[in-house]
Amino acid sequence: MNYQRKILIAPILLVSLLVTGTVGYLFLERDNPEGEWQLLDAVYMTVITLTTVGYGNMGMSDAGRVFTLFLLIGGFGVFTYSVTIATAFLIEGQLQSFFRQQKMIRTVDKLLNHYIVCGLGDTGVHVLDEMLKADVDFVGIEVEEERLIHLSDTRDFLYLQGDATDDELLMRAGIERAQGLVTCLSRDQDNLFVVISARKLNPHLKIASKAVEDNSPGKLMTAGADEVVLPDHIGGLRLASGILQPQLVGFLESMTQNRQGAQFTESIIQKDSPLDGISLKAASIQEQTGLVVVAIQDSDGAFLYNPPGDKKMIAGDALLVIANQKQLQTLHKLTGDLG
């Protein structure tokens, strides 16, 4: 029997005692020499007995006194039962929450090259779901306890409750060991604060930030963000593209959301890897992996689409391809991008 049912039993028992006491007194005191008891008399006597006030006995008969003793014992039993169940419920719930949080903290302490998601609101929950789909290690940070409870009931993920602008909380989330951070807080000034703190705590961290105001992306980039997204702007573009180029949008969504088959993805060339310093043709990527390099992004962020065979690749270049998981693993071996 769960605690909710046990707690529900307590008021049922109390009402039962109240009814039993009232009916009992009406029956036992019907021939009382001082006069038959009325309903109010019986209710009054039952209440002062159960509450142990004990104010007078109203000329009660011997049978009524014996009945009162049993009523007192029953009332004390219900009171003890209620206190015991309530205490057990509170203590067990707190202990479960405490041990669950401690276990989560120990797990977070062991993470390496993971991601941190700050803010699990309307935007952050979509980042959370994408992290879960990608099956990567990450920690969510959310200040609202009720939202965390709701999300943890429907999703299995590591989280810390608190203010993401707090440096100490970022440290607890393992920011010094993390490889990426996404901040999706509702206010640009809070996102700016997180970006500044994150860049200070881990200079090599990859940082992506949400922006609300149109004039905020530049400030966030200056503060240290590598990527800034205006959700409303992206949403508008997506709506327009869905009308103007529906087939293209469907294709791109299929590529980005398909986790089992082919998908748009990237592999970054590492220093001293087999592809570092050689041309695209000499690398024989298509022969070894079956992939066609759609574009190359250099370390400055510039894209070269449909790169020619004589394009020389260097460490830091990102190869953008459409690959399934097996092909991507083969490409990672060539680029040295093994995570």
C-alpha atoms as a PDB file:
ATOM      1  CA  MET A   1       0.000   0.000   0.000  1.00  0.00           C
ATOM      2  CA  ASN A   2       1.481   3.378  -0.981  1.00  0.00           C
ATOM      3  CA  TYR A   3       1.661   6.393   1.270  1.00  0.00           C
ATOM      4  CA  GLN A   4      -1.070   8.283  -0.581  1.00  0.00           C
ATOM      5  CA  ARG A   5      -3.586   5.558   0.280  1.00  0.00           C
ATOM      6  CA  LYS A   6      -2.348   5.336   3.848  1.00  0.00           C
ATOM      7  CA  ILE A   7      -2.707   9.079   4.337  1.00  0.00           C
ATOM      8  CA  LEU A   8      -6.221   8.929   2.882  1.00  0.00           C
ATOM      9  CA  ILE A   9      -7.161   6.256   5.439  1.00  0.00           C
ATOM     10  CA  ALA A  10      -6.450   8.603   8.385  1.00  0.00           C
ATOM     11  CA  PRO A  11      -9.332  11.084   7.752  1.00  0.00           C
ATOM     12  CA  ILE A  12     -11.627   8.160   6.879  1.00  0.00           C
ATOM     13  CA  LEU A  13     -10.888   6.589  10.280  1.00  0.00           C
ATOM     14  CA  LEU A  14     -11.448   9.940  12.003  1.00  0.00           C
ATOM     15  CA  VAL A  15     -14.830  10.446  10.347  1.00  0.00           C
ATOM     16  CA  SER A  16     -15.741   6.855  11.190  1.00  0.00           C
ATOM     17  CA  LEU A  17     -14.926   7.454  14.865  1.00  0.00           C
ATOM     18  CA  LEU A  18     -16.968  10.660  14.839  1.00  0.00           C
ATOM     19  CA  VAL A  19     -20.005   8.866  13.395  1.00  0.00           C
ATOM     20  CA  THR A  20     -19.537   5.856  15.696  1.00  0.00           C
ATOM     21  CA  GLY A  21     -19.240   8.075  18.757  1.00  0.00           C
ATOM     22  CA  THR A  22     -22.314  10.129  17.857  1.00  0.00           C
ATOM     23  CA  VAL A  23     -24.468   7.080  17.158  1.00  0.00           C
ATOM     24  CA  GLY A  24     -23.118   5.296  20.244  1.00  0.00           C
ATOM     25  CA  TYR A  25     -23.947   8.131  22.609  1.00  0.00           C
ATOM     26  CA  LEU A  26     -27.421   8.557  21.124  1.00  0.00           C
ATOM     27  CA  PHE A  27     -28.089   4.858  21.670  1.00  0.00           C
ATOM     28  CA  LEU A  28     -26.518   4.498  25.133  1.00  0.00           C
ATOM     29  CA  GLU A  29     -27.962   7.713  26.566  1.00  0.00           C
ATOM     30  CA  ARG A  30     -31.487   7.338  25.207  1.00  0.00           C
ATOM     31  CA  ASP A  31     -32.719   6.336  28.697  1.00  0.00           C
ATOM     32  CA  ASN A  32     -30.529   8.802  30.622  1.00  0.00           C
ATOM     33  CA  PRO A  33     -32.333   9.857  33.850  1.00  0.00           C
ATOM     34  CA  GLU A  34     -31.321  13.463  33.217  1.00  0.00           C
ATOM     35  CA  GLY A  35     -32.961  13.397  29.829  1.00  0.00           C
ATOM     36  CA  GLU A  36     -32.434  11.779  26.443  1.00  0.00           C
ATOM     37  CA  TRP A  37     -29.431  13.135  24.571  1.00  0.00           C
ATOM     38  CA  GLN A  38     -30.022  15.096  21.403  1.00  0.00           C
ATOM     39  CA  LEU A  39     -27.834  14.925  18.270  1.00  0.00           C
ATOM     40  CA  LEU A  40     -25.889  18.020  19.288  1.00  0.00           C
ATOM     41  CA  ASP A  41     -25.164  16.509  22.715  1.00  0.00           C
ATOM     42  CA  ALA A  42     -23.786  13.328  21.134  1.00  0.00           C
ATOM     43  CA  VAL A  43     -21.663  15.206  18.588  1.00  0.00           C
ATOM     44  CA  TYR A  44     -20.358  17.565  21.263  1.00  0.00           C
ATOM     45  CA  MET A  45     -19.367  14.719  23.601  1.00  0.00           C
ATOM     46  CA  THR A  46     -17.701  12.783  20.760  1.00  0.00           C
ATOM     47  CA  VAL A  47     -15.640  15.781  19.677  1.00  0.00           C
ATOM     48  CA  ILE A  48     -14.398  16.719  23.169  1.00  0.00           C
ATOM     49  CA  THR A  49     -13.555  13.047  23.772  1.00  0.00           C
ATOM     50  CA  LEU A  50     -11.582  12.594  20.553  1.00  0.00           C
ATOM     51  CA  THR A  51      -9.744  15.881  21.097  1.00  0.00           C
ATOM     52  CA  THR A  52      -9.064  14.854  24.740  1.00  0.00           C
ATOM     53  CA  VAL A  53     -10.494  18.159  25.978  1.00  0.00           C
ATOM     54  CA  GLY A  54     -12.732  16.288  28.410  1.00  0.00           C
ATOM     55  CA  TYR A  55     -14.944  19.212  29.436  1.00  0.00           C
ATOM     56  CA  GLY A  56     -17.663  17.659  31.669  1.00  0.00           C
ATOM     57  CA  ASN A  57     -19.587  14.405  31.187  1.00  0.00           C
ATOM     58  CA  MET A  58     -23.129  15.779  30.950  1.00  0.00           C
ATOM     59  CA  GLY A  59     -24.505  13.294  33.506  1.00  0.00           C
ATOM     60  CA  MET A  60     -23.339  10.318  31.462  1.00  0.00           C
ATOM     61  CA  SER A  61     -24.387   6.776  32.357  1.00  0.00           C
ATOM     62  CA  ASP A  62     -21.937   4.011  33.289  1.00  0.00           C
ATOM     63  CA  ALA A  63     -22.356   2.462  29.844  1.00  0.00           C
ATOM     64  CA  GLY A  64     -21.548   5.847  28.323  1.00  0.00           C
ATOM     65  CA  ARG A  65     -18.388   6.140  30.419  1.00  0.00           C
ATOM     66  CA  VAL A  66     -17.183   2.698  29.295  1.00  0.00           C
ATOM     67  CA  PHE A  67     -17.958   3.652  25.688  1.00  0.00           C
ATOM     68  CA  THR A  68     -15.982   6.874  26.188  1.00  0.00           C
ATOM     69  CA  LEU A  69     -12.906   4.877  27.267  1.00  0.00           C
ATOM     70  CA  PHE A  70     -12.962   2.877  24.060  1.00  0.00           C
ATOM     71  CA  LEU A  71     -13.576   6.039  22.048  1.00  0.00           C
ATOM     72  CA  LEU A  72     -10.539   7.652  23.688  1.00  0.00           C
ATOM     73  CA  ILE A  73      -8.367   4.642  22.863  1.00  0.00           C
ATOM     74  CA  GLY A  74      -9.623   4.675  19.259  1.00  0.00           C
ATOM     75  CA  GLY A  75      -8.971   8.406  18.914  1.00  0.00           C
ATOM     76  CA  PHE A  76      -5.461   8.043  20.308  1.00  0.00           C
ATOM     77  CA  GLY A  77      -4.817   5.176  17.875  1.00  0.00           C
ATOM     78  CA  VAL A  78      -5.952   7.199  14.868  1.00  0.00           C
ATOM     79  CA  PHE A  79      -3.846  10.157  16.007  1.00  0.00           C
ATOM     80  CA  THR A  80      -0.763   7.956  16.418  1.00  0.00           C
ATOM     81  CA  TYR A  81      -1.360   6.308  13.041  1.00  0.00           C
ATOM     82  CA  SER A  82      -1.717   9.671  11.296  1.00  0.00           C
ATOM     83  CA  VAL A  83       1.457  11.113  12.827  1.00  0.00           C
ATOM     84  CA  THR A  84       3.429   7.946  12.043  1.00  0.00           C
ATOM     85  CA  ILE A  85       2.356   7.830   8.397  1.00  0.00           C
ATOM     86  CA  ALA A  86       2.894  11.554   7.853  1.00  0.00           C
ATOM     87  CA  THR A  87       6.342  11.445   9.452  1.00  0.00           C
ATOM     88  CA  ALA A  88       7.376   8.359   7.481  1.00  0.00           C
ATOM     89  CA  PHE A  89       6.141   9.940   4.255  1.00  0.00           C
ATOM     90  CA  LEU A  90       8.090  13.146   4.818  1.00  0.00           C
ATOM     91  CA  ILE A  91      11.280  11.466   6.010  1.00  0.00           C
ATOM     92  CA  GLU A  92      11.311   8.812   3.281  1.00  0.00           C
ATOM     93  CA  GLY A  93      10.587  11.375   0.573  1.00  0.00           C
ATOM     94  CA  GLN A  94      13.366  13.632   1.811  1.00  0.00           C
ATOM     95  CA  LEU A  95      15.782  10.734   2.142  1.00  0.00           C
ATOM     96  CA  GLN A  96      14.999   9.467  -1.347  1.00  0.00           C
ATOM     97  CA  SER A  97      15.505  12.936  -2.767  1.00  0.00           C
ATOM     98  CA  PHE A  98      18.744  13.366  -0.805  1.00  0.00           C
ATOM     99  CA  PHE A  99      20.243  10.025  -1.865  1.00  0.00           C
ATOM    100  CA  ARG A 100      19.143  10.519  -5.493  1.00  0.00           C
ATOM    101  CA  GLN A 101      20.815  13.934  -5.567  1.00  0.00           C
ATOM    102  CA  GLN A 102      23.989  12.593  -3.951  1.00  0.00           C
ATOM    103  CA  LYS A 103      24.171   9.749  -6.469  1.00  0.00           C
ATOM    104  CA  MET A 104      23.684  12.240  -9.290  1.00  0.00           C
ATOM    105  CA  ILE A 105      26.464  14.475  -7.964  1.00  0.00           C
ATOM    106  CA  ARG A 106      28.844  11.510  -7.768  1.00  0.00           C
ATOM    107  CA  THR A 107      27.989  10.592 -11.362  1.00  0.00           C
ATOM    108  CA  VAL A 108      28.556  14.177 -12.540  1.00  0.00           C
ATOM    109  CA  ASP A 109      31.937  14.209 -10.789  1.00  0.00           C
ATOM    110  CA  LYS A 110      33.037  11.324 -13.030  1.00  0.00           C
ATOM    111  CA  LEU A 111      32.007  12.925 -16.324  1.00  0.00           C
ATOM    112  CA  LEU A 112      34.655  13.963 -18.845  1.00  0.00           C
ATOM    113  CA  ASN A 113      34.222  15.808 -22.162  1.00  0.00           C
ATOM    114  CA  HIS A 114      30.526  16.214 -21.468  1.00  0.00           C
ATOM    115  CA  TYR A 115      28.083  19.036 -22.160  1.00  0.00           C
ATOM    116  CA  ILE A 116      26.258  21.432 -19.850  1.00  0.00           C
ATOM    117  CA  VAL A 117      22.789  22.799 -20.619  1.00  0.00           C
ATOM    118  CA  CYS A 118      21.898  25.898 -18.608  1.00  0.00           C
ATOM    119  CA  GLY A 119      18.170  26.540 -18.412  1.00  0.00           C
ATOM    120  CA  LEU A 120      15.589  23.881 -19.248  1.00  0.00           C
ATOM    121  CA  GLY A 121      12.730  26.168 -20.206  1.00  0.00           C
ATOM    122  CA  ASP A 122      10.861  26.362 -23.506  1.00  0.00           C
ATOM    123  CA  THR A 123      14.092  26.429 -25.527  1.00  0.00           C
ATOM    124  CA  GLY A 124      16.281  24.382 -23.210  1.00  0.00           C
ATOM    125  CA  VAL A 125      13.924  21.396 -23.191  1.00  0.00           C
ATOM    126  CA  HIS A 126      14.483  20.983 -26.945  1.00  0.00           C
ATOM    127  CA  VAL A 127      18.247  21.077 -26.394  1.00  0.00           C
ATOM    128  CA  LEU A 128      17.744  18.486 -23.666  1.00  0.00           C
ATOM    129  CA  ASP A 129      15.818  16.196 -26.020  1.00  0.00           C
ATOM    130  CA  GLU A 130      18.459  16.537 -28.738  1.00  0.00           C
ATOM    131  CA  MET A 131      21.187  15.631 -26.250  1.00  0.00           C
ATOM    132  CA  LEU A 132      19.211  12.555 -25.265  1.00  0.00           C
ATOM    133  CA  LYS A 133      18.729  11.576 -28.926  1.00  0.00           C
ATOM    134  CA  ALA A 134      22.452  12.007 -29.584  1.00  0.00           C
ATOM    135  CA  ASP A 135      23.194   9.812 -26.548  1.00  0.00           C
ATOM    136  CA  VAL A 136      25.961  12.077 -25.232  1.00  0.00           C
ATOM    137  CA  ASP A 137      26.936  12.796 -21.638  1.00  0.00           C
ATOM    138  CA  PHE A 138      25.461  16.046 -20.370  1.00  0.00           C
ATOM    139  CA  VAL A 139      24.237  17.823 -17.242  1.00  0.00           C
ATOM    140  CA  GLY A 140      21.165  20.040 -17.128  1.00  0.00           C
ATOM    141  CA  ILE A 141      20.939  23.046 -14.800  1.00  0.00           C
ATOM    142  CA  GLU A 142      17.544  24.507 -13.881  1.00  0.00           C
ATOM    143  CA  VAL A 143      16.525  26.820 -11.053  1.00  0.00           C
ATOM    144  CA  GLU A 144      12.830  25.835 -10.881  1.00  0.00           C
ATOM    145  CA  GLU A 145      12.360  22.682  -8.803  1.00  0.00           C
ATOM    146  CA  GLU A 146       8.871  21.928 -10.125  1.00  0.00           C
ATOM    147  CA  ARG A 147      10.084  21.975 -13.721  1.00  0.00           C
ATOM    148  CA  LEU A 148      12.976  19.673 -12.864  1.00  0.00           C
ATOM    149  CA  ILE A 149      10.590  17.249 -11.184  1.00  0.00           C
ATOM    150  CA  HIS A 150       8.331  17.249 -14.253  1.00  0.00           C
ATOM    151  CA  LEU A 151      11.222  16.730 -16.674  1.00  0.00           C
ATOM    152  CA  SER A 152      12.877  14.025 -14.571  1.00  0.00           C
ATOM    153  CA  ASP A 153       9.564  12.156 -14.420  1.00  0.00           C
ATOM    154  CA  THR A 154       9.475  11.903 -18.216  1.00  0.00           C
ATOM    155  CA  ARG A 155      13.185  11.800 -19.081  1.00  0.00           C
ATOM    156  CA  ASP A 156      16.275  10.137 -17.652  1.00  0.00           C
ATOM    157  CA  PHE A 157      19.123  12.647 -17.390  1.00  0.00           C
ATOM    158  CA  LEU A 158      21.608  14.154 -14.965  1.00  0.00           C
ATOM    159  CA  TYR A 159      20.715  17.529 -13.513  1.00  0.00           C
ATOM    160  CA  LEU A 160      21.580  20.044 -10.824  1.00  0.00           C
ATOM    161  CA  GLN A 161      19.105  22.466  -9.330  1.00  0.00           C
ATOM    162  CA  GLY A 162      20.212  26.045  -8.934  1.00  0.00           C
ATOM    163  CA  ASP A 163      21.110  29.312 -10.627  1.00  0.00           C
ATOM    164  CA  ALA A 164      23.304  28.729 -13.680  1.00  0.00           C
ATOM    165  CA  THR A 165      24.868  32.176 -13.223  1.00  0.00           C
ATOM    166  CA  ASP A 166      26.496  30.871 -10.035  1.00  0.00           C
ATOM    167  CA  ASP A 167      30.148  29.963 -10.734  1.00  0.00           C
ATOM    168  CA  GLU A 168      30.124  27.385  -7.949  1.00  0.00           C
ATOM    169  CA  LEU A 169      27.231  25.523  -9.571  1.00  0.00           C
ATOM    170  CA  LEU A 170      29.034  25.524 -12.921  1.00  0.00           C
ATOM    171  CA  MET A 171      32.059  24.056 -11.155  1.00  0.00           C
ATOM    172  CA  ARG A 172      29.856  21.340  -9.634  1.00  0.00           C
ATOM    173  CA  ALA A 173      28.615  20.578 -13.142  1.00  0.00           C
ATOM    174  CA  GLY A 174      32.227  19.879 -14.139  1.00  0.00           C
ATOM    175  CA  ILE A 175      32.716  22.860 -16.444  1.00  0.00           C
ATOM    176  CA  GLU A 176      36.503  22.517 -16.275  1.00  0.00           C
ATOM    177  CA  ARG A 177      36.201  19.001 -17.755  1.00  0.00           C
ATOM    178  CA  ALA A 178      33.356  19.759 -20.184  1.00  0.00           C
ATOM    179  CA  GLN A 179      33.731  20.195 -23.935  1.00  0.00           C
ATOM    180  CA  GLY A 180      30.609  22.252 -24.549  1.00  0.00           C
ATOM    181  CA  LEU A 181      27.997  24.464 -22.882  1.00  0.00           C
ATOM    182  CA  VAL A 182      24.605  25.680 -24.055  1.00  0.00           C
ATOM    183  CA  THR A 183      22.893  28.495 -22.187  1.00  0.00           C
ATOM    184  CA  CYS A 184      19.147  28.943 -22.785  1.00  0.00           C
ATOM    185  CA  LEU A 185      18.139  31.264 -19.969  1.00  0.00           C
ATOM    186  CA  SER A 186      15.167  33.576 -20.484  1.00  0.00           C
ATOM    187  CA  ARG A 187      17.096  36.840 -20.093  1.00  0.00           C
ATOM    188  CA  ASP A 188      19.992  37.936 -22.288  1.00  0.00           C
ATOM    189  CA  GLN A 189      21.848  39.444 -19.331  1.00  0.00           C
ATOM    190  CA  ASP A 190      21.795  36.061 -17.593  1.00  0.00           C
ATOM    191  CA  ASN A 191      23.053  34.297 -20.710  1.00  0.00           C
ATOM    192  CA  LEU A 192      25.772  36.923 -21.005  1.00  0.00           C
ATOM    193  CA  PHE A 193      26.821  36.313 -17.405  1.00  0.00           C
ATOM    194  CA  VAL A 194      26.976  32.549 -17.986  1.00  0.00           C
ATOM    195  CA  VAL A 195      29.055  32.995 -21.149  1.00  0.00           C
ATOM    196  CA  ILE A 196      31.566  35.235 -19.366  1.00  0.00           C
ATOM    197  CA  SER A 197      31.856  32.871 -16.392  1.00  0.00           C
ATOM    198  CA  ALA A 198      32.105  29.764 -18.586  1.00  0.00           C
ATOM    199  CA  ARG A 199      34.805  31.266 -20.783  1.00  0.00           C
ATOM    200  CA  LYS A 200      36.773  32.280 -17.696  1.00  0.00           C
ATOM    201  CA  LEU A 201      36.452  28.851 -16.047  1.00  0.00           C
ATOM    202  CA  ASN A 202      37.280  26.901 -19.218  1.00  0.00           C
ATOM    203  CA  PRO A 203      38.972  28.881 -22.033  1.00  0.00           C
ATOM    204  CA  HIS A 204      38.752  25.890 -24.420  1.00  0.00           C
ATOM    205  CA  LEU A 205      35.023  25.339 -23.945  1.00  0.00           C
ATOM    206  CA  LYS A 206      32.677  25.383 -26.947  1.00  0.00           C
ATOM    207  CA  ILE A 207      29.855  27.770 -25.989  1.00  0.00           C
ATOM    208  CA  ALA A 208      26.462  28.236 -27.655  1.00  0.00           C
ATOM    209  CA  SER A 209      23.975  30.782 -26.361  1.00  0.00           C
ATOM    210  CA  LYS A 210      20.361  31.729 -26.873  1.00  0.00           C
ATOM    211  CA  ALA A 211      19.596  35.396 -27.525  1.00  0.00           C
ATOM    212  CA  VAL A 212      16.251  37.112 -27.037  1.00  0.00           C
ATOM    213  CA  GLU A 213      16.888  40.661 -28.264  1.00  0.00           C
ATOM    214  CA  ASP A 214      18.128  41.392 -31.799  1.00  0.00           C
ATOM    215  CA  ASN A 215      21.034  43.471 -30.495  1.00  0.00           C
ATOM    216  CA  SER A 216      22.311  40.768 -28.123  1.00  0.00           C
ATOM    217  CA  PRO A 217      24.222  38.334 -30.422  1.00  0.00           C
ATOM    218  CA  GLY A 218      27.158  40.722 -30.896  1.00  0.00           C
ATOM    219  CA  LYS A 219      27.531  41.231 -27.160  1.00  0.00           C
ATOM    220  CA  LEU A 220      27.381  37.493 -26.490  1.00  0.00           C
ATOM    221  CA  MET A 221      29.971  36.794 -29.186  1.00  0.00           C
ATOM    222  CA  THR A 222      32.249  39.466 -27.719  1.00  0.00           C
ATOM    223  CA  ALA A 223      31.810  37.911 -24.274  1.00  0.00           C
ATOM    224  CA  GLY A 224      33.066  34.554 -25.568  1.00  0.00           C
ATOM    225  CA  ALA A 225      30.182  32.661 -27.178  1.00  0.00           C
ATOM    226  CA  ASP A 226      31.095  30.593 -30.235  1.00  0.00           C
ATOM    227  CA  GLU A 227      27.516  30.342 -31.462  1.00  0.00           C
ATOM    228  CA  VAL A 228      24.515  32.582 -30.794  1.00  0.00           C
ATOM    229  CA  VAL A 229      20.979  31.729 -31.886  1.00  0.00           C
ATOM    230  CA  LEU A 230      17.851  33.879 -31.973  1.00  0.00           C
ATOM    231  CA  PRO A 231      15.052  31.271 -31.612  1.00  0.00           C
ATOM    232  CA  ASP A 232      12.374  33.627 -32.963  1.00  0.00           C
ATOM    233  CA  HIS A 233      14.527  34.421 -35.998  1.00  0.00           C
ATOM    234  CA  ILE A 234      15.235  30.758 -36.692  1.00  0.00           C
ATOM    235  CA  GLY A 235      11.559  29.926 -36.240  1.00  0.00           C
ATOM    236  CA  GLY A 236      10.575  32.602 -38.759  1.00  0.00           C
ATOM    237  CA  LEU A 237      13.058  31.321 -41.324  1.00  0.00           C
ATOM    238  CA  ARG A 238      11.809  27.776 -40.810  1.00  0.00           C
ATOM    239  CA  LEU A 239       8.187  28.826 -41.335  1.00  0.00           C
ATOM    240  CA  ALA A 240       9.029  30.735 -44.519  1.00  0.00           C
ATOM    241  CA  SER A 241      11.169  27.889 -45.869  1.00  0.00           C
ATOM    242  CA  GLY A 242       8.411  25.404 -45.112  1.00  0.00           C
ATOM    243  CA  ILE A 243       6.161  27.318 -47.507  1.00  0.00           C
ATOM    244  CA  LEU A 244       8.714  28.309 -50.159  1.00  0.00           C
ATOM    245  CA  GLN A 245      10.921  25.190 -50.217  1.00  0.00           C
ATOM    246  CA  PRO A 246       9.007  22.382 -48.479  1.00  0.00           C
ATOM    247  CA  GLN A 247      10.924  19.513 -50.130  1.00  0.00           C
ATOM    248  CA  LEU A 248      14.283  20.971 -49.173  1.00  0.00           C
ATOM    249  CA  VAL A 249      13.157  21.548 -45.593  1.00  0.00           C
ATOM    250  CA  GLY A 250      11.835  18.007 -45.365  1.00  0.00           C
ATOM    251  CA  PHE A 251      15.135  16.666 -46.671  1.00  0.00           C
ATOM    252  CA  LEU A 252      17.207  18.695 -44.207  1.00  0.00           C
ATOM    253  CA  GLU A 253      15.004  17.717 -41.259  1.00  0.00           C
ATOM    254  CA  SER A 254      15.266  14.071 -42.235  1.00  0.00           C
ATOM    255  CA  MET A 255      19.046  14.363 -42.376  1.00  0.00           C
ATOM    256  CA  THR A 256      19.415  16.131 -39.037  1.00  0.00           C
ATOM    257  CA  GLN A 257      16.875  14.105 -37.061  1.00  0.00           C
ATOM    258  CA  ASN A 258      17.553  10.605 -38.381  1.00  0.00           C
ATOM    259  CA  ARG A 259      19.727   9.043 -35.677  1.00  0.00           C
ATOM    260  CA  GLN A 260      19.762   5.530 -37.124  1.00  0.00           C
ATOM    261  CA  GLY A 261      20.394   6.078 -40.848  1.00  0.00           C
ATOM    262  CA  ALA A 262      22.182   8.745 -42.866  1.00  0.00           C
ATOM    263  CA  GLN A 263      22.398  12.232 -41.419  1.00  0.00           C
ATOM    264  CA  PHE A 264      24.203  15.502 -41.914  1.00  0.00           C
ATOM    265  CA  THR A 265      27.233  15.448 -39.640  1.00  0.00           C
ATOM    266  CA  GLU A 266      30.818  16.625 -39.339  1.00  0.00           C
ATOM    267  CA  SER A 267      34.281  15.354 -38.569  1.00  0.00           C
ATOM    268  CA  ILE A 268      37.099  17.698 -37.575  1.00  0.00           C
ATOM    269  CA  ILE A 269      40.619  17.076 -38.812  1.00  0.00           C
ATOM    270  CA  GLN A 270      43.041  16.739 -35.916  1.00  0.00           C
ATOM    271  CA  LYS A 271      46.698  17.701 -35.935  1.00  0.00           C
ATOM    272  CA  ASP A 272      49.012  14.994 -37.351  1.00  0.00           C
ATOM    273  CA  SER A 273      46.051  12.923 -38.542  1.00  0.00           C
ATOM    274  CA  PRO A 274      46.282  11.135 -41.936  1.00  0.00           C
ATOM    275  CA  LEU A 275      44.324  13.976 -43.595  1.00  0.00           C
ATOM    276  CA  ASP A 276      46.300  16.866 -42.103  1.00  0.00           C
ATOM    277  CA  GLY A 277      48.123  18.719 -44.869  1.00  0.00           C
ATOM    278  CA  ILE A 278      46.978  16.743 -47.921  1.00  0.00           C
ATOM    279  CA  SER A 279      44.522  17.506 -50.724  1.00  0.00           C
ATOM    280  CA  LEU A 280      40.975  16.211 -50.867  1.00  0.00           C
ATOM    281  CA  LYS A 281      41.797  14.101 -53.923  1.00  0.00           C
ATOM    282  CA  ALA A 282      44.882  12.565 -52.332  1.00  0.00           C
ATOM    283  CA  ALA A 283      42.888  11.676 -49.212  1.00  0.00           C
ATOM    284  CA  SER A 284      40.669   9.265 -51.206  1.00  0.00           C
ATOM    285  CA  ILE A 285      37.856   9.808 -48.711  1.00  0.00           C
ATOM    286  CA  GLN A 286      35.141   8.559 -51.048  1.00  0.00           C
ATOM    287  CA  GLU A 287      37.090   5.388 -51.851  1.00  0.00           C
ATOM    288  CA  GLN A 288      37.737   4.611 -48.184  1.00  0.00           C
ATOM    289  CA  THR A 289      34.401   5.619 -46.693  1.00  0.00           C
ATOM    290  CA  GLY A 290      31.895   5.880 -49.525  1.00  0.00           C
ATOM    291  CA  LEU A 291      31.258   9.520 -48.532  1.00  0.00           C
ATOM    292  CA  VAL A 292      31.211  12.720 -50.534  1.00  0.00           C
ATOM    293  CA  VAL A 293      32.430  15.836 -48.729  1.00  0.00           C
ATOM    294  CA  VAL A 294      29.619  18.357 -49.155  1.00  0.00           C
ATOM    295  CA  ALA A 295      31.519  21.282 -47.642  1.00  0.00           C
ATOM    296  CA  ILE A 296      34.603  22.185 -45.643  1.00  0.00           C
ATOM    297  CA  GLN A 297      34.558  24.749 -42.842  1.00  0.00           C
ATOM    298  CA  ASP A 298      37.909  26.240 -41.911  1.00  0.00           C
ATOM    299  CA  SER A 299      38.989  27.328 -38.429  1.00  0.00           C
ATOM    300  CA  ASP A 300      37.750  30.884 -39.146  1.00  0.00           C
ATOM    301  CA  GLY A 301      34.226  29.628 -39.773  1.00  0.00           C
ATOM    302  CA  ALA A 302      34.200  30.122 -43.552  1.00  0.00           C
ATOM    303  CA  PHE A 303      32.496  27.439 -45.669  1.00  0.00           C
ATOM    304  CA  LEU A 304      33.702  26.050 -48.982  1.00  0.00           C
ATOM    305  CA  TYR A 305      30.855  24.187 -50.700  1.00  0.00           C
ATOM    306  CA  ASN A 306      31.527  21.360 -53.160  1.00  0.00           C
ATOM    307  CA  PRO A 307      35.282  21.637 -52.507  1.00  0.00           C
ATOM    308  CA  PRO A 308      37.530  20.803 -55.476  1.00  0.00           C
ATOM    309  CA  GLY A 309      39.922  17.845 -55.400  1.00  0.00           C
ATOM    310  CA  ASP A 310      42.985  20.069 -55.065  1.00  0.00           C
ATOM    311  CA  LYS A 311      41.655  21.679 -51.871  1.00  0.00           C
ATOM    312  CA  LYS A 312      44.312  21.213 -49.195  1.00  0.00           C
ATOM    313  CA  MET A 313      42.982  20.222 -45.785  1.00  0.00           C
ATOM    314  CA  ILE A 314      44.619  21.228 -42.515  1.00  0.00           C
ATOM    315  CA  ALA A 315      44.050  20.571 -38.817  1.00  0.00           C
ATOM    316  CA  GLY A 316      40.968  22.367 -37.564  1.00  0.00           C
ATOM    317  CA  ASP A 317      39.009  22.027 -40.811  1.00  0.00           C
ATOM    318  CA  ALA A 318      35.580  20.433 -40.426  1.00  0.00           C
ATOM    319  CA  LEU A 319      34.427  18.034 -43.132  1.00  0.00           C
ATOM    320  CA  LEU A 320      30.642  18.153 -43.606  1.00  0.00           C
ATOM    321  CA  VAL A 321      29.179  14.937 -44.968  1.00  0.00           C
ATOM    322  CA  ILE A 322      26.001  12.871 -45.161  1.00  0.00           C
ATOM    323  CA  ALA A 323      26.897   9.623 -43.417  1.00  0.00           C
ATOM    324  CA  ASN A 324      25.476   6.708 -41.494  1.00  0.00           C
ATOM    325  CA  GLN A 325      27.046   5.696 -38.199  1.00  0.00           C
ATOM    326  CA  LYS A 326      29.463   3.156 -39.708  1.00  0.00           C
ATOM    327  CA  GLN A 327      30.681   5.569 -42.375  1.00  0.00           C
ATOM    328  CA  LEU A 328      31.122   8.314 -39.795  1.00  0.00           C
ATOM    329  CA  GLN A 329      33.245   6.055 -37.593  1.00  0.00           C
ATOM    330  CA  THR A 330      35.512   5.282 -40.565  1.00  0.00           C
ATOM    331  CA  LEU A 331      35.812   8.995 -41.355  1.00  0.00           C
ATOM    332  CA  HIS A 332      36.631   9.789 -37.724  1.00  0.00           C
ATOM    333  CA  LYS A 333      39.546   7.377 -37.910  1.00  0.00           C
ATOM    334  CA  LEU A 334      40.913   9.253 -40.916  1.00  0.00           C
ATOM    335  CA  THR A 335      40.455  12.707 -39.366  1.00  0.00           C
ATOM    336  CA  GLY A 336      41.529  11.613 -35.879  1.00  0.00           C
ATOM    337  CA  ASP A 337      38.282  13.074 -34.490  1.00  0.00           C
ATOM    338  CA  LEU A 338      37.664  10.324 -31.942  1.00  0.00           C
ATOM    339  CA  GLY A 339      35.997  12.472 -29.293  1.00  0.00           C
END
